[in-house]
Protein backbone atom coordinates (compact mmCIF):
# COMPACT_ATOMS: atom_id res chain seq x y z
CA UNK A 1 0.00 0.00 0.00
CA UNK A 2 1.29 3.41 -0.96
CA UNK A 3 -0.07 6.64 0.53
CA UNK A 4 0.00 10.32 -0.29
CA UNK A 5 -0.60 13.14 2.16
CA UNK A 6 -2.46 16.37 1.52
CA UNK A 7 -3.47 19.56 3.28
CA UNK A 8 -5.25 22.87 3.05
CA UNK A 9 -3.45 26.17 2.42
CA UNK A 10 -3.11 27.05 6.12
CA UNK A 11 -2.07 23.45 6.94
CA UNK A 12 -4.70 23.19 9.70
CA UNK A 13 -6.41 20.29 7.96
CA UNK A 14 -4.32 17.33 6.82
CA UNK A 15 -5.21 13.94 5.38
CA UNK A 16 -3.77 10.74 4.00
CA UNK A 17 -5.05 8.72 1.06
CA UNK A 18 -4.09 5.31 -0.34
CA UNK A 19 -2.99 5.57 -3.95
CA UNK A 20 -3.20 4.95 -6.82
CA UNK A 21 -6.63 6.48 -7.39
CA UNK A 22 -9.41 4.31 -8.81
CA UNK A 23 -10.20 7.18 -11.16
CA UNK A 24 -8.34 10.44 -11.80
CA UNK A 25 -9.90 13.04 -14.08
CA UNK A 26 -10.30 16.66 -15.02
CA UNK A 27 -13.87 17.99 -14.98
CA UNK A 28 -14.83 21.02 -17.09
CA UNK A 29 -18.48 21.28 -15.94
CA UNK A 30 -19.68 24.73 -14.93
CA UNK A 31 -20.12 23.70 -11.29
CA UNK A 32 -16.53 22.52 -10.97
CA UNK A 33 -15.27 25.68 -12.69
CA UNK A 34 -17.25 27.85 -10.26
CA UNK A 35 -16.16 25.78 -7.23
CA UNK A 36 -12.47 25.91 -8.11
CA UNK A 37 -12.25 29.30 -9.78
CA UNK A 38 -10.25 27.63 -12.53
CA UNK A 39 -10.94 26.14 -15.97
CA UNK A 40 -11.44 22.64 -14.53
CA UNK A 41 -11.37 20.57 -11.37
CA UNK A 42 -8.74 17.88 -10.97
CA UNK A 43 -10.11 15.03 -8.83
CA UNK A 44 -8.96 11.60 -7.76
CA UNK A 45 -11.45 9.02 -6.48
CA UNK A 46 -10.87 6.30 -3.87
CA UNK A 47 -13.09 4.10 -1.74
CA UNK A 48 -13.92 5.79 1.53
CA UNK A 49 -11.90 3.31 3.62
CA UNK A 50 -8.75 4.34 1.70
CA UNK A 51 -8.92 7.86 3.17
CA UNK A 52 -8.38 9.34 6.63
CA UNK A 53 -8.18 12.77 8.20
CA UNK A 54 -4.95 13.31 10.14
CA UNK A 55 -5.62 16.74 11.69
CA UNK A 56 -8.29 19.41 11.68
CA UNK A 57 -11.35 17.35 10.71
CA UNK A 58 -13.40 19.62 13.00
CA UNK A 59 -12.51 22.56 10.69
CA UNK A 60 -13.99 20.90 7.60
CA UNK A 61 -17.26 22.42 6.35
CA UNK A 62 -19.49 20.69 3.80
CA UNK A 63 -21.83 22.14 1.21
CA UNK A 64 -24.24 20.00 -0.82
CA UNK A 65 -25.66 21.86 -3.81
CA UNK A 66 -29.41 21.34 -3.24
CA UNK A 67 -30.45 20.96 -6.90
CA UNK A 68 -27.57 18.61 -7.80
CA UNK A 69 -27.71 14.84 -7.52
CA UNK A 70 -23.96 14.44 -6.98
CA UNK A 71 -22.26 17.78 -6.45
CA UNK A 72 -20.74 18.60 -3.04
CA UNK A 73 -17.84 20.59 -1.64
CA UNK A 74 -15.83 20.63 1.55
CA UNK A 75 -13.62 23.49 2.63
CA UNK A 76 -11.34 24.46 5.47
CA UNK A 77 -13.21 26.94 7.68
CA UNK A 78 -9.93 28.78 8.37
CA UNK A 79 -8.47 29.36 4.90
CA UNK A 80 -11.27 28.31 2.54
CA UNK A 81 -9.22 25.70 0.67
CA UNK A 82 -11.19 23.03 -1.10
CA UNK A 83 -10.82 19.65 0.66
CA UNK A 84 -11.70 16.01 0.02
CA UNK A 85 -15.33 15.03 0.45
CA UNK A 86 -17.35 11.85 0.39
CA UNK A 87 -19.89 11.20 -2.33
CA UNK A 88 -23.52 11.52 -1.28
CA UNK A 89 -23.92 7.75 -1.18
CA UNK A 90 -20.86 7.62 1.10
CA UNK A 91 -18.99 5.03 -0.95
CA UNK A 92 -16.17 7.14 -2.40
CA UNK A 93 -13.93 10.06 -1.48
CA UNK A 94 -13.31 12.77 -4.02
CA UNK A 95 -9.80 14.14 -3.61
CA UNK A 96 -9.08 17.62 -5.09
CA UNK A 97 -5.62 16.73 -6.33
CA UNK A 98 -4.31 20.27 -5.98
CA UNK A 99 -4.43 19.72 -2.22
CA UNK A 100 -1.93 16.84 -2.38
CA UNK A 101 1.47 17.50 -0.85
CA UNK A 102 2.99 14.45 -2.57
CA UNK A 103 2.88 12.88 -6.02
CA UNK A 104 0.05 10.31 -6.09
CA UNK A 105 2.02 8.20 -8.56
CA UNK A 106 -0.68 8.26 -11.23
CA UNK A 107 -1.84 10.71 -13.85
CA UNK A 108 -5.32 11.79 -15.02
CA UNK A 109 -6.99 9.26 -17.31
CA UNK A 110 -9.93 11.29 -18.60
CA UNK A 111 -11.41 14.72 -19.20
CA UNK A 112 -15.15 14.91 -18.50
CA UNK A 113 -17.70 17.54 -19.54
CA UNK A 114 -15.34 18.63 -22.32
CA UNK A 115 -18.31 20.15 -24.17
CA UNK A 116 -18.93 22.43 -21.16
CA UNK A 117 -15.39 23.81 -21.06
CA UNK A 118 -14.98 27.57 -20.77
CA UNK A 119 -14.90 29.21 -24.22
CA UNK A 120 -11.61 30.89 -23.33
CA UNK A 121 -9.89 27.62 -22.33
CA UNK A 122 -6.87 26.93 -24.49
CA UNK A 123 -4.30 24.19 -24.96
CA UNK A 124 -1.57 25.05 -22.48
CA UNK A 125 1.17 23.29 -24.46
CA UNK A 126 1.36 26.28 -26.82
CA UNK A 127 1.57 28.94 -24.08
CA UNK A 128 4.72 30.71 -22.87
CA UNK A 129 5.97 29.07 -19.67
CA UNK A 130 7.74 30.73 -16.70
CA UNK A 131 9.24 29.04 -13.63
CA UNK A 132 7.86 31.85 -11.42
CA UNK A 133 5.62 34.93 -11.76
CA UNK A 134 7.38 37.17 -14.33
CA UNK A 135 8.15 40.80 -13.68
């Protein structure tokens, strides 16, 4: 068994997850774009028993979008960082992979809701790249 650790921005909430993920994907749906403030979410999925909170579980706040069958969010109540959450049926954990502090050892296998991507989204391979913020 291999594990990867993750945390929120303020490091008050930490977790550990068994990897590799069962599924690892980018989601371009409008809800994920709104929730992340970015062109897509990047989520790994594991069975719930493959995940555990290490610190700060009491700081985790959940939001279930009322009109959605599946959409939920969890955030750190201190810094607002998105955090892992269980699916509504409780069987899986959804891991926002940007919160990982270590390489999970796998790479995304799919892009979902591609037809819903933001009209301004572009292929990043053609963009100028900088190691840090320029200027």
